[in-house]
Protein backbone atom coordinates (compact mmCIF):
# COMPACT_ATOMS: atom_id res chain seq x y z
CA MET A 1 -10.06 0.40 -18.71
CA GLN A 2 -8.37 3.60 -17.62
CA LYS A 3 -10.14 3.43 -14.27
CA GLY A 4 -8.74 -0.04 -13.70
CA ILE A 5 -5.24 1.11 -14.59
CA ASN A 6 -5.55 4.04 -12.19
CA THR A 7 -6.75 1.72 -9.42
CA VAL A 8 -3.75 -0.57 -9.87
CA LYS A 9 -1.40 2.41 -9.96
CA ARG A 10 -2.89 3.81 -6.77
CA PHE A 11 -2.68 0.43 -5.05
CA LYS A 12 1.03 0.24 -5.90
CA GLU A 13 1.59 3.74 -4.54
CA ILE A 14 -0.22 3.03 -1.29
CA THR A 15 1.48 -0.34 -0.71
CA ILE A 16 4.97 0.57 -1.92
CA GLY A 17 6.55 -0.29 1.44
CA ALA A 18 5.28 -3.86 1.18
CA GLN A 19 6.31 -4.37 -2.44
CA TYR A 20 8.61 -7.31 -1.75
CA PHE A 21 6.25 -8.79 0.83
CA ILE A 22 3.40 -8.70 -1.69
CA VAL A 23 5.46 -10.38 -4.42
CA LEU A 24 6.29 -13.27 -2.10
CA PHE A 25 2.72 -13.37 -0.84
CA ILE A 26 1.41 -13.79 -4.39
CA LEU A 27 3.92 -16.57 -5.02
CA TRP A 28 2.82 -18.21 -1.78
CA PHE A 29 -0.81 -18.01 -2.92
CA PHE A 30 -0.04 -20.11 -6.00
CA ILE A 31 2.62 -22.43 -4.57
CA GLY A 32 0.67 -23.08 -1.39
CA GLY A 33 -2.49 -23.67 -3.40
CA TYR A 34 -0.69 -26.20 -5.58
CA LEU A 35 0.67 -28.01 -2.52
CA LEU A 36 -2.78 -28.09 -0.98
CA ILE A 37 -4.29 -29.63 -4.12
CA GLN A 38 -1.53 -32.25 -4.34
CA GLU A 39 -1.56 -33.16 -0.64
CA GLN A 40 -2.89 -36.61 0.25
CA GLU A 41 -3.88 -37.94 3.67
CA ARG A 42 -2.44 -34.93 5.51
CA SER A 43 1.00 -35.79 4.12
CA ILE A 44 2.45 -32.30 4.65
CA TYR A 45 1.47 -32.37 8.31
CA LYS A 46 3.04 -35.79 8.78
CA ALA A 47 6.24 -34.79 7.00
CA ILE A 48 6.73 -31.63 9.08
CA ASN A 49 5.73 -33.13 12.41
CA ASN A 50 7.91 -36.19 11.94
CA GLN A 51 11.03 -34.15 11.16
CA HIS A 52 11.51 -33.27 14.80
CA THR A 53 14.69 -32.26 16.58
CA ALA A 54 15.55 -30.97 20.04
CA PHE A 55 16.34 -27.57 18.50
CA LYS A 56 12.92 -27.28 16.88
CA ASP A 57 11.25 -28.43 20.08
CA THR A 58 12.96 -25.53 21.84
CA ILE A 59 12.46 -22.63 19.43
CA PHE A 60 9.04 -23.22 17.86
CA PRO A 61 7.03 -22.85 21.10
CA TYR A 62 8.45 -19.31 21.24
CA ILE A 63 8.18 -18.45 17.54
CA THR A 64 4.54 -19.49 17.42
CA HIS A 65 3.70 -16.68 19.89
CA ILE A 66 4.26 -14.11 17.12
CA GLY A 67 0.71 -14.86 16.02
CA GLU A 68 -0.82 -14.19 19.43
CA ALA A 69 -2.59 -11.06 20.64
CA TRP A 70 -0.30 -10.51 23.63
CA VAL A 71 2.61 -10.05 21.20
CA ILE A 72 0.79 -8.26 18.38
CA ILE A 73 -1.15 -5.65 20.38
CA PRO A 74 1.76 -4.25 22.44
CA SER A 75 3.94 -4.22 19.31
CA LEU A 76 1.34 -2.18 17.43
CA LEU A 77 0.90 0.22 20.35
CA LEU A 78 4.63 0.86 20.37
CA LEU A 79 4.26 2.29 16.86
CA LEU A 80 2.24 5.15 18.30
CA PHE A 81 5.40 6.48 19.94
CA ILE A 82 6.48 7.42 16.42
CA LYS A 83 5.13 10.88 15.64
CA ALA A 84 4.25 10.11 12.01
CA PHE A 85 1.87 7.37 13.17
CA ARG A 86 -0.02 9.41 15.76
CA ASN A 87 -3.07 10.30 13.68
CA LYS A 88 -6.63 8.99 13.47
CA ARG A 89 -6.34 7.55 9.97
CA PHE A 90 -3.28 5.50 10.87
CA ILE A 91 -4.91 4.20 14.04
CA TRP A 92 -8.03 3.22 12.07
CA ALA A 93 -5.85 1.37 9.57
CA MET A 94 -3.89 -0.35 12.32
CA VAL A 95 -7.06 -1.57 14.00
CA ALA A 96 -8.88 -2.56 10.81
CA CYS A 97 -5.92 -4.38 9.28
CA ASN A 98 -5.57 -6.60 12.33
CA ILE A 99 -9.10 -6.90 13.71
CA SER A 100 -10.92 -7.56 10.42
CA PRO A 101 -9.03 -10.77 9.58
CA PHE A 102 -9.37 -11.89 13.20
CA LEU A 103 -13.16 -11.57 13.05
CA ILE A 104 -13.32 -13.37 9.70
CA THR A 105 -11.20 -16.22 11.03
CA GLN A 106 -13.24 -16.62 14.20
CA ALA A 107 -16.47 -16.66 12.19
CA ILE A 108 -15.17 -19.40 9.89
CA LYS A 109 -13.88 -21.40 12.85
CA GLY A 110 -17.28 -21.29 14.50
CA ILE A 111 -19.10 -22.35 11.36
CA ILE A 112 -16.82 -25.20 10.27
CA ASN A 113 -15.37 -26.42 13.59
CA ALA A 114 -12.80 -28.66 11.90
CA PRO A 115 -10.87 -31.17 14.03
CA ARG A 116 -7.23 -30.59 14.87
CA PRO A 117 -4.57 -33.30 14.43
CA LEU A 118 -5.02 -34.70 17.94
CA LYS A 119 -8.70 -35.34 17.18
CA TYR A 120 -8.53 -36.08 13.45
CA PHE A 121 -6.35 -39.18 13.68
CA PRO A 122 -7.83 -42.26 15.42
CA ASP A 123 -4.33 -43.29 16.49
CA ILE A 124 -2.10 -40.41 17.61
CA SER A 125 0.82 -42.55 18.74
CA PHE A 126 2.83 -41.49 15.66
CA ILE A 127 2.43 -37.77 16.43
CA HIS A 128 5.41 -35.98 17.90
CA ARG A 129 4.20 -33.76 20.72
CA VAL A 130 6.25 -31.00 22.30
CA ALA A 131 6.07 -30.77 26.07
CA GLY A 132 4.10 -27.84 27.43
CA GLN A 133 1.99 -27.29 24.33
CA PRO A 134 -1.79 -27.05 24.75
CA GLU A 135 -3.88 -30.04 23.73
CA ASN A 136 -6.38 -28.50 21.33
CA TYR A 137 -8.88 -30.64 19.49
CA ASP A 138 -11.40 -28.41 17.74
CA PHE A 139 -11.74 -25.22 15.65
CA SER A 140 -8.71 -25.97 13.50
CA PHE A 141 -9.72 -24.20 10.28
CA PRO A 142 -8.39 -21.67 9.60
CA SER A 143 -5.40 -21.10 11.86
CA GLY A 144 -5.75 -18.01 14.03
CA HIS A 145 -2.02 -17.77 14.68
CA SER A 146 -1.35 -17.88 10.94
CA GLU A 147 -3.96 -15.21 10.25
CA GLY A 148 -2.72 -13.03 13.10
CA SER A 149 0.95 -13.24 12.20
CA PHE A 150 0.40 -12.56 8.50
CA ALA A 151 -1.93 -9.63 9.13
CA PHE A 152 0.54 -8.18 11.64
CA LEU A 153 3.65 -8.71 9.51
CA CYS A 154 1.91 -7.51 6.36
CA PHE A 155 0.90 -4.33 8.19
CA LEU A 156 4.47 -3.76 9.35
CA SER A 157 5.61 -4.14 5.75
CA LEU A 158 3.01 -1.67 4.51
CA ILE A 159 4.23 1.09 6.80
CA LEU A 160 7.87 0.66 5.84
CA PRO A 161 9.48 3.63 4.08
CA LYS A 162 10.27 2.79 0.46
CA ARG A 163 14.01 2.67 1.13
CA TYR A 164 13.48 -0.02 3.79
CA ARG A 165 11.03 -2.19 1.83
CA ILE A 166 13.64 -4.96 1.67
CA PHE A 167 12.64 -5.78 5.25
CA GLY A 168 9.35 -6.99 3.81
CA LEU A 169 11.23 -10.12 2.75
CA LEU A 170 12.25 -10.73 6.35
CA PHE A 171 8.71 -10.19 7.61
CA PHE A 172 7.32 -12.63 5.07
CA PHE A 173 9.75 -15.39 5.98
CA ILE A 174 9.06 -14.85 9.66
CA GLY A 175 5.41 -15.41 8.80
CA LEU A 176 6.23 -18.67 7.05
CA ILE A 177 8.17 -19.86 10.09
CA VAL A 178 5.13 -19.18 12.26
CA LEU A 179 3.04 -21.28 9.86
CA TYR A 180 5.59 -24.07 10.02
CA SER A 181 5.56 -23.94 13.81
CA ARG A 182 1.79 -24.41 13.97
CA ILE A 183 2.06 -27.64 11.99
CA TYR A 184 5.18 -28.81 13.81
CA LEU A 185 3.51 -28.32 17.18
CA SER A 186 0.51 -30.41 16.02
CA GLN A 187 -1.92 -27.52 16.33
CA HIS A 188 -2.94 -27.38 12.67
CA PHE A 189 -2.84 -29.00 9.25
CA PHE A 190 -1.36 -27.36 6.16
CA ARG A 191 -4.73 -26.19 4.83
CA ASP A 192 -5.40 -24.42 8.14
CA VAL A 193 -2.22 -22.36 8.09
CA TYR A 194 -2.39 -21.73 4.36
CA VAL A 195 -5.91 -20.33 4.43
CA GLY A 196 -5.20 -18.50 7.68
CA SER A 197 -2.25 -16.72 6.09
CA LEU A 198 -4.37 -15.73 3.08
CA VAL A 199 -7.14 -14.33 5.27
CA GLY A 200 -4.60 -12.32 7.24
CA GLY A 201 -2.66 -11.03 4.27
CA PHE A 202 -5.50 -10.21 1.89
CA SER A 203 -7.66 -8.62 4.59
CA CYS A 204 -4.79 -6.44 5.74
CA LEU A 205 -3.98 -5.30 2.21
CA LEU A 206 -7.62 -4.51 1.46
CA CYS A 207 -8.16 -2.52 4.66
CA PHE A 208 -4.92 -0.60 4.24
CA TRP A 209 -5.77 0.27 0.65
CA LEU A 210 -9.29 1.42 1.52
CA ILE A 211 -8.24 3.54 4.51
CA ASN A 212 -4.95 4.75 3.01
CA PRO A 213 -3.44 6.15 6.23
CA PHE A 214 -0.77 8.06 4.30
CA ARG A 215 -3.22 9.70 1.90
CA HIS A 216 -1.42 13.03 2.06
CA LYS A 217 1.65 11.35 0.53
CA THR A 218 -0.09 9.45 -2.26
CA ASP A 219 -2.13 12.51 -3.25
CA GLN A 220 0.96 14.54 -3.97
């Protein structure tokens, strides 16, 4: 019993910067799960995709890039210009928190090979398609962009100083917008982005807790 209490206490100490992010992430786990259970005939996808505007058509192709490697990797490397982050343990955490969920996602994609919206529906005439977006048909589950963005944004929240943990709220909502964009752009269904976000978030939290890049602080 005491060991369990100590483990929880230590987890809270290690992840203090992401306190607000984690609270919202837990809420998302339950709310998103409920929505997934209640969803019928891909209704969430249809509702989001059909609520299209010129503004959304313009901004979502850019926002969706937050979940891509060419955005995530350079952003993470920039962190190494900060002296406090230039140590082996931090680099290990940075790599593990972002690579582990990626590998898990790619493995699941290869095993399941679920169809994307453009392949799932026999008649795609009702689908709103944004010009310039790739026409993907396979490997829909789970969403790699959703996994990547949540792992990345969760990691950024975890390294926040305690006094700046409020920014975890911003990072979480940015993650949700990326999820929304993947559905809006007809790249994924709700279950794809939901599970992708869980893989990214939980994997990042687990790796960060195990590696504990700021061990010298939590041991004080």
